[in-house]
């Protein structure tokens, strides 16, 4: 197994950052030809998703809709004040798995991998684990 940790610096409370290139670079660095790529976010107020990367409006629409569904201030019990970020993280998820074929992620034509910040700005980590097979 090959693992790589990526550092991400977010600049806004809610932010969708395309990390496809960084994940692809890790796969290329590993030399793996076939297998699985697991991208994992070890944070409770951030997530990871696969969605359309060709039009940046899609990520913006997703962030806006999540904010409408889970507004920042809504009388939450969590005393730290970031309950909305925890809820959004649960909705998006903390990992994605992508097949690797011929040394490249088998993403669809329009798909990209996004790091989803819900409690920024912060310094974050993103783990890439490659399982050859």
N, C-alpha and C. Protein backbone atom coordinates (compact mmCIF):
# COMPACT_ATOMS: atom_id res chain seq x y z
N UNK A 1 0.85 -1.18 0.00
CA UNK A 1 0.00 0.00 0.00
C UNK A 1 0.89 1.24 0.00
N UNK A 2 0.47 2.22 -0.74
CA UNK A 2 1.17 3.51 -0.83
C UNK A 2 0.26 4.56 -0.22
N UNK A 3 0.78 5.44 0.63
CA UNK A 3 -0.01 6.51 1.24
C UNK A 3 0.70 7.84 1.08
N UNK A 4 -0.10 8.86 0.91
CA UNK A 4 0.43 10.22 0.79
C UNK A 4 -0.54 11.14 1.53
N UNK A 5 0.01 12.08 2.29
CA UNK A 5 -0.82 13.07 2.96
C UNK A 5 -0.63 14.41 2.26
N UNK A 6 -1.74 15.03 1.90
CA UNK A 6 -1.72 16.33 1.24
C UNK A 6 -2.15 17.40 2.23
N UNK A 7 -1.53 18.57 2.13
CA UNK A 7 -1.91 19.71 2.97
C UNK A 7 -2.79 20.64 2.14
N UNK A 8 -3.84 21.12 2.78
CA UNK A 8 -4.76 22.04 2.12
C UNK A 8 -4.99 23.22 3.04
N UNK A 9 -4.92 24.40 2.49
CA UNK A 9 -5.21 25.62 3.25
C UNK A 9 -6.48 26.23 2.67
N UNK A 10 -7.53 26.30 3.48
CA UNK A 10 -8.78 26.90 3.02
C UNK A 10 -8.82 28.37 3.40
N UNK A 11 -9.61 29.13 2.69
CA UNK A 11 -9.64 30.58 2.90
C UNK A 11 -11.02 31.12 3.27
N UNK A 12 -12.04 30.27 3.22
CA UNK A 12 -13.40 30.71 3.54
C UNK A 12 -14.08 29.68 4.44
N UNK A 13 -15.18 30.06 5.06
CA UNK A 13 -15.92 29.13 5.93
C UNK A 13 -16.35 27.91 5.13
N UNK A 14 -16.97 28.14 3.97
CA UNK A 14 -17.40 27.04 3.11
C UNK A 14 -16.66 27.17 1.79
N UNK A 15 -16.04 26.07 1.38
CA UNK A 15 -15.23 26.12 0.18
C UNK A 15 -15.13 24.72 -0.42
N UNK A 16 -15.26 24.64 -1.74
CA UNK A 16 -15.11 23.38 -2.46
C UNK A 16 -13.84 23.50 -3.31
N UNK A 17 -12.82 22.72 -2.96
CA UNK A 17 -11.52 22.81 -3.61
C UNK A 17 -11.28 21.56 -4.45
N UNK A 18 -11.06 21.73 -5.74
CA UNK A 18 -10.78 20.62 -6.64
C UNK A 18 -9.37 20.09 -6.35
N UNK A 19 -9.29 18.84 -5.90
CA UNK A 19 -8.01 18.23 -5.56
C UNK A 19 -7.66 17.08 -6.51
N UNK A 20 -8.34 17.00 -7.63
CA UNK A 20 -8.13 15.91 -8.58
C UNK A 20 -6.68 15.83 -9.03
N UNK A 21 -6.09 16.96 -9.36
CA UNK A 21 -4.71 16.97 -9.84
C UNK A 21 -3.75 16.46 -8.77
N UNK A 22 -3.92 16.89 -7.52
CA UNK A 22 -3.05 16.44 -6.44
C UNK A 22 -3.16 14.93 -6.21
N UNK A 23 -4.39 14.40 -6.30
CA UNK A 23 -4.59 12.96 -6.13
C UNK A 23 -3.96 12.22 -7.31
N UNK A 24 -4.15 12.72 -8.52
CA UNK A 24 -3.53 12.11 -9.71
C UNK A 24 -2.01 12.10 -9.58
N UNK A 25 -1.45 13.18 -9.06
CA UNK A 25 0.01 13.25 -8.87
C UNK A 25 0.49 12.16 -7.90
N UNK A 26 -0.28 11.91 -6.84
CA UNK A 26 0.09 10.87 -5.88
C UNK A 26 0.06 9.49 -6.54
N UNK A 27 -0.93 9.25 -7.39
CA UNK A 27 -1.01 7.97 -8.10
C UNK A 27 0.19 7.82 -9.03
N UNK A 28 0.49 8.85 -9.76
CA UNK A 28 1.64 8.81 -10.67
C UNK A 28 2.94 8.56 -9.89
N UNK A 29 3.09 9.24 -8.76
CA UNK A 29 4.29 9.09 -7.93
C UNK A 29 4.42 7.65 -7.41
N UNK A 30 3.30 7.01 -7.12
CA UNK A 30 3.33 5.65 -6.58
C UNK A 30 3.76 4.62 -7.63
N UNK A 31 3.51 4.91 -8.88
CA UNK A 31 3.81 3.96 -9.94
C UNK A 31 2.77 2.86 -10.07
N UNK A 32 1.67 2.96 -9.34
CA UNK A 32 0.63 1.93 -9.38
C UNK A 32 -0.09 1.94 -10.72
N UNK A 33 -0.32 0.76 -11.27
CA UNK A 33 -1.00 0.64 -12.55
C UNK A 33 -2.49 0.32 -12.40
N UNK A 34 -2.80 -0.60 -11.49
CA UNK A 34 -4.18 -1.04 -11.28
C UNK A 34 -4.46 -1.14 -9.79
N UNK A 35 -5.66 -0.75 -9.38
CA UNK A 35 -6.03 -0.90 -7.98
C UNK A 35 -7.11 0.08 -7.58
N UNK A 36 -7.07 0.46 -6.31
CA UNK A 36 -8.06 1.38 -5.74
C UNK A 36 -7.36 2.57 -5.09
N UNK A 37 -7.97 3.72 -5.24
CA UNK A 37 -7.50 4.93 -4.60
C UNK A 37 -8.57 5.37 -3.60
N UNK A 38 -8.19 5.41 -2.34
CA UNK A 38 -9.10 5.88 -1.29
C UNK A 38 -8.61 7.26 -0.86
N UNK A 39 -9.50 8.24 -0.92
CA UNK A 39 -9.19 9.59 -0.48
C UNK A 39 -10.01 9.84 0.77
N UNK A 40 -9.32 10.16 1.87
CA UNK A 40 -9.96 10.25 3.18
C UNK A 40 -9.65 11.58 3.84
N UNK A 41 -10.66 12.17 4.45
CA UNK A 41 -10.52 13.44 5.17
C UNK A 41 -10.64 13.15 6.67
N UNK A 42 -9.56 13.34 7.46
CA UNK A 42 -9.60 13.04 8.89
C UNK A 42 -10.07 14.23 9.74
N UNK A 43 -11.16 14.85 9.31
CA UNK A 43 -11.69 16.02 10.03
C UNK A 43 -13.20 15.86 10.16
N UNK A 44 -13.76 16.35 11.26
CA UNK A 44 -15.21 16.21 11.49
C UNK A 44 -16.02 17.38 10.94
N UNK A 45 -15.36 18.40 10.42
CA UNK A 45 -16.09 19.55 9.86
C UNK A 45 -15.69 19.81 8.41
N UNK A 46 -15.22 18.77 7.75
CA UNK A 46 -14.87 18.85 6.33
C UNK A 46 -15.25 17.51 5.69
N UNK A 47 -15.28 17.48 4.38
CA UNK A 47 -15.65 16.24 3.69
C UNK A 47 -14.96 16.13 2.35
N UNK A 48 -15.35 15.11 1.61
CA UNK A 48 -14.79 14.87 0.29
C UNK A 48 -15.92 14.34 -0.61
N UNK A 49 -15.94 14.79 -1.85
CA UNK A 49 -16.99 14.32 -2.75
C UNK A 49 -16.46 14.25 -4.18
N UNK A 50 -17.16 13.48 -5.00
CA UNK A 50 -16.92 13.44 -6.43
C UNK A 50 -18.14 14.05 -7.09
N UNK A 51 -17.90 15.03 -7.95
CA UNK A 51 -18.99 15.64 -8.70
C UNK A 51 -18.41 16.34 -9.91
N UNK A 52 -19.25 17.07 -10.62
CA UNK A 52 -18.80 17.74 -11.84
C UNK A 52 -17.77 18.82 -11.54
N UNK A 53 -16.67 18.78 -12.28
CA UNK A 53 -15.62 19.77 -12.12
C UNK A 53 -15.49 20.70 -13.31
N UNK A 54 -16.19 20.42 -14.41
CA UNK A 54 -16.06 21.25 -15.61
C UNK A 54 -16.66 22.63 -15.42
N UNK A 55 -17.76 22.72 -14.71
CA UNK A 55 -18.44 23.99 -14.48
C UNK A 55 -18.36 24.32 -12.99
N UNK A 56 -17.60 25.34 -12.60
CA UNK A 56 -17.46 25.67 -11.17
C UNK A 56 -18.78 26.05 -10.50
N UNK A 57 -19.79 26.37 -11.29
CA UNK A 57 -21.09 26.71 -10.71
C UNK A 57 -21.72 25.51 -10.00
N UNK A 58 -21.38 24.30 -10.41
CA UNK A 58 -21.95 23.11 -9.76
C UNK A 58 -21.51 23.04 -8.30
N UNK A 59 -20.22 23.18 -8.04
CA UNK A 59 -19.73 23.15 -6.65
C UNK A 59 -20.32 24.30 -5.84
N UNK A 60 -20.44 25.45 -6.46
CA UNK A 60 -21.04 26.61 -5.79
C UNK A 60 -22.51 26.32 -5.45
N UNK A 61 -23.24 25.71 -6.39
CA UNK A 61 -24.64 25.36 -6.14
C UNK A 61 -24.77 24.35 -5.00
N UNK A 62 -23.88 23.37 -4.96
CA UNK A 62 -23.91 22.38 -3.88
C UNK A 62 -23.67 23.06 -2.54
N UNK A 63 -22.66 23.91 -2.47
CA UNK A 63 -22.36 24.63 -1.22
C UNK A 63 -23.53 25.50 -0.79
N UNK A 64 -24.13 26.20 -1.75
CA UNK A 64 -25.27 27.06 -1.44
C UNK A 64 -26.47 26.25 -0.94
N UNK A 65 -26.73 25.11 -1.56
CA UNK A 65 -27.89 24.29 -1.15
C UNK A 65 -27.64 23.68 0.23
N UNK A 66 -26.41 23.24 0.50
CA UNK A 66 -26.10 22.73 1.83
C UNK A 66 -26.30 23.81 2.90
N UNK A 67 -25.91 25.05 2.57
CA UNK A 67 -26.11 26.15 3.51
C UNK A 67 -27.60 26.40 3.75
N UNK A 68 -28.41 26.30 2.71
CA UNK A 68 -29.85 26.49 2.86
C UNK A 68 -30.47 25.36 3.70
N UNK A 69 -29.99 24.14 3.50
CA UNK A 69 -30.53 23.00 4.24
C UNK A 69 -30.06 23.00 5.70
N UNK A 70 -28.81 23.44 5.92
CA UNK A 70 -28.21 23.41 7.25
C UNK A 70 -27.57 24.78 7.51
N UNK A 71 -28.39 25.77 7.88
CA UNK A 71 -27.83 27.12 8.10
C UNK A 71 -26.89 27.16 9.30
N UNK A 72 -25.95 28.09 9.25
CA UNK A 72 -24.92 28.18 10.29
C UNK A 72 -25.54 28.39 11.67
N UNK A 73 -26.53 29.25 11.78
CA UNK A 73 -27.18 29.52 13.07
C UNK A 73 -28.60 29.00 13.03
N UNK A 74 -28.87 28.00 13.84
CA UNK A 74 -30.23 27.44 13.87
C UNK A 74 -30.55 26.86 15.24
N UNK A 75 -29.95 27.41 16.29
CA UNK A 75 -30.26 26.97 17.65
C UNK A 75 -29.72 25.58 17.99
N UNK A 76 -28.57 25.22 17.46
CA UNK A 76 -27.97 23.91 17.73
C UNK A 76 -27.51 23.81 19.18
N UNK A 77 -27.45 22.60 19.69
CA UNK A 77 -27.02 22.35 21.07
C UNK A 77 -25.49 22.35 21.22
N UNK A 78 -24.77 22.05 20.17
CA UNK A 78 -23.31 21.95 20.22
C UNK A 78 -22.72 23.30 20.64
N UNK A 79 -21.99 23.32 21.73
CA UNK A 79 -21.54 24.58 22.32
C UNK A 79 -20.41 25.26 21.56
N UNK A 80 -19.67 24.51 20.74
CA UNK A 80 -18.54 25.11 20.03
C UNK A 80 -18.98 26.08 18.93
N UNK A 81 -20.24 25.97 18.52
CA UNK A 81 -20.77 26.91 17.54
C UNK A 81 -20.62 26.50 16.09
N UNK A 82 -20.15 25.28 15.82
CA UNK A 82 -19.96 24.85 14.44
C UNK A 82 -20.75 23.58 14.11
N UNK A 83 -21.89 23.41 14.75
CA UNK A 83 -22.71 22.22 14.54
C UNK A 83 -23.09 22.06 13.07
N UNK A 84 -23.37 23.17 12.39
CA UNK A 84 -23.75 23.09 10.97
C UNK A 84 -22.63 22.43 10.16
N UNK A 85 -21.38 22.74 10.46
CA UNK A 85 -20.26 22.15 9.76
C UNK A 85 -20.19 20.64 10.00
N UNK A 86 -20.47 20.19 11.21
CA UNK A 86 -20.47 18.76 11.52
C UNK A 86 -21.58 18.05 10.73
N UNK A 87 -22.74 18.67 10.66
CA UNK A 87 -23.87 18.06 9.95
C UNK A 87 -23.58 17.97 8.45
N UNK A 88 -23.04 19.03 7.87
CA UNK A 88 -22.71 19.02 6.43
C UNK A 88 -21.66 17.97 6.13
N UNK A 89 -20.68 17.82 7.02
CA UNK A 89 -19.65 16.80 6.84
C UNK A 89 -20.27 15.41 6.80
N UNK A 90 -21.24 15.16 7.67
CA UNK A 90 -21.94 13.86 7.65
C UNK A 90 -22.71 13.65 6.35
N UNK A 91 -23.29 14.71 5.85
CA UNK A 91 -24.07 14.60 4.61
C UNK A 91 -23.18 14.31 3.40
N UNK A 92 -22.02 14.93 3.34
CA UNK A 92 -21.11 14.77 2.20
C UNK A 92 -20.29 13.49 2.34
N UNK A 93 -19.80 13.20 3.53
CA UNK A 93 -18.99 12.01 3.75
C UNK A 93 -17.52 12.34 3.88
N UNK A 94 -16.76 11.39 4.44
CA UNK A 94 -15.36 11.64 4.73
C UNK A 94 -14.40 10.86 3.82
N UNK A 95 -14.91 10.08 2.87
CA UNK A 95 -14.02 9.37 1.96
C UNK A 95 -14.70 9.07 0.64
N UNK A 96 -13.87 8.91 -0.38
CA UNK A 96 -14.32 8.42 -1.68
C UNK A 96 -13.31 7.37 -2.14
N UNK A 97 -13.78 6.44 -2.94
CA UNK A 97 -12.92 5.39 -3.50
C UNK A 97 -13.08 5.42 -5.01
N UNK A 98 -11.94 5.40 -5.71
CA UNK A 98 -11.94 5.46 -7.17
C UNK A 98 -11.05 4.34 -7.70
N UNK A 99 -11.53 3.63 -8.72
CA UNK A 99 -10.70 2.61 -9.36
C UNK A 99 -9.56 3.29 -10.11
N UNK A 100 -8.41 2.62 -10.12
CA UNK A 100 -7.26 3.08 -10.89
C UNK A 100 -7.02 2.05 -11.99
N UNK A 101 -6.98 2.53 -13.23
CA UNK A 101 -6.73 1.66 -14.38
C UNK A 101 -5.65 2.30 -15.23
N UNK A 102 -4.67 1.52 -15.59
CA UNK A 102 -3.56 2.00 -16.42
C UNK A 102 -2.92 3.26 -15.83
N UNK A 103 -2.79 3.27 -14.50
CA UNK A 103 -2.11 4.36 -13.81
C UNK A 103 -2.91 5.64 -13.66
N UNK A 104 -4.20 5.60 -13.99
CA UNK A 104 -5.04 6.81 -13.90
C UNK A 104 -6.36 6.50 -13.21
N UNK A 105 -6.91 7.51 -12.54
CA UNK A 105 -8.22 7.33 -11.93
C UNK A 105 -9.27 7.12 -13.01
N UNK A 106 -10.17 6.18 -12.76
CA UNK A 106 -11.23 5.88 -13.70
C UNK A 106 -12.45 6.76 -13.42
N UNK A 107 -12.22 8.07 -13.41
CA UNK A 107 -13.32 9.03 -13.21
C UNK A 107 -14.08 9.21 -14.50
N UNK A 108 -15.35 9.59 -14.38
CA UNK A 108 -16.14 9.91 -15.56
C UNK A 108 -15.65 11.20 -16.20
N UNK A 109 -16.10 11.45 -17.40
CA UNK A 109 -15.65 12.60 -18.19
C UNK A 109 -15.70 13.91 -17.42
N UNK A 110 -16.77 14.15 -16.69
CA UNK A 110 -16.95 15.45 -16.03
C UNK A 110 -16.62 15.40 -14.55
N UNK A 111 -16.21 14.26 -14.03
CA UNK A 111 -16.01 14.11 -12.59
C UNK A 111 -14.67 14.66 -12.11
N UNK A 112 -14.73 15.27 -10.93
CA UNK A 112 -13.55 15.74 -10.21
C UNK A 112 -13.73 15.40 -8.74
N UNK A 113 -12.64 15.42 -8.00
CA UNK A 113 -12.68 15.18 -6.56
C UNK A 113 -12.55 16.52 -5.86
N UNK A 114 -13.46 16.78 -4.92
CA UNK A 114 -13.48 18.05 -4.21
C UNK A 114 -13.29 17.85 -2.71
N UNK A 115 -12.36 18.61 -2.14
CA UNK A 115 -12.26 18.75 -0.69
C UNK A 115 -13.31 19.79 -0.30
N UNK A 116 -14.14 19.46 0.67
CA UNK A 116 -15.26 20.32 1.07
C UNK A 116 -15.01 20.88 2.46
N UNK A 117 -14.74 22.15 2.54
CA UNK A 117 -14.52 22.84 3.82
C UNK A 117 -15.85 23.40 4.30
N UNK A 118 -16.17 23.13 5.57
CA UNK A 118 -17.40 23.66 6.15
C UNK A 118 -17.17 24.49 7.41
N UNK A 119 -15.92 24.64 7.84
CA UNK A 119 -15.62 25.37 9.08
C UNK A 119 -14.27 26.09 8.96
N UNK A 120 -14.09 26.74 7.82
CA UNK A 120 -12.81 27.41 7.57
C UNK A 120 -12.84 28.86 7.99
N UNK A 121 -11.75 29.53 7.69
CA UNK A 121 -10.53 29.01 7.05
C UNK A 121 -9.68 28.21 8.04
N UNK A 122 -9.01 27.19 7.49
CA UNK A 122 -8.18 26.29 8.31
C UNK A 122 -7.07 25.67 7.47
N UNK A 123 -6.12 25.09 8.17
CA UNK A 123 -5.14 24.21 7.55
C UNK A 123 -5.68 22.80 7.72
N UNK A 124 -5.75 22.06 6.62
CA UNK A 124 -6.36 20.73 6.64
C UNK A 124 -5.41 19.70 6.06
N UNK A 125 -5.75 18.43 6.31
CA UNK A 125 -5.01 17.30 5.75
C UNK A 125 -5.96 16.44 4.94
N UNK A 126 -5.42 15.83 3.93
CA UNK A 126 -6.17 14.93 3.07
C UNK A 126 -5.28 13.71 2.84
N UNK A 127 -5.79 12.52 3.12
CA UNK A 127 -5.00 11.31 2.97
C UNK A 127 -5.37 10.59 1.68
N UNK A 128 -4.35 10.15 0.95
CA UNK A 128 -4.54 9.37 -0.28
C UNK A 128 -3.90 8.01 -0.02
N UNK A 129 -4.70 6.95 -0.09
CA UNK A 129 -4.21 5.59 0.13
C UNK A 129 -4.46 4.79 -1.14
N UNK A 130 -3.42 4.15 -1.64
CA UNK A 130 -3.50 3.38 -2.87
C UNK A 130 -3.31 1.90 -2.56
N UNK A 131 -4.26 1.10 -3.02
CA UNK A 131 -4.25 -0.33 -2.78
C UNK A 131 -4.11 -1.02 -4.13
N UNK A 132 -2.96 -1.62 -4.34
CA UNK A 132 -2.68 -2.26 -5.62
C UNK A 132 -3.47 -3.55 -5.73
N UNK A 133 -3.92 -3.84 -6.94
CA UNK A 133 -4.66 -5.09 -7.08
C UNK A 133 -5.04 -5.41 -8.48
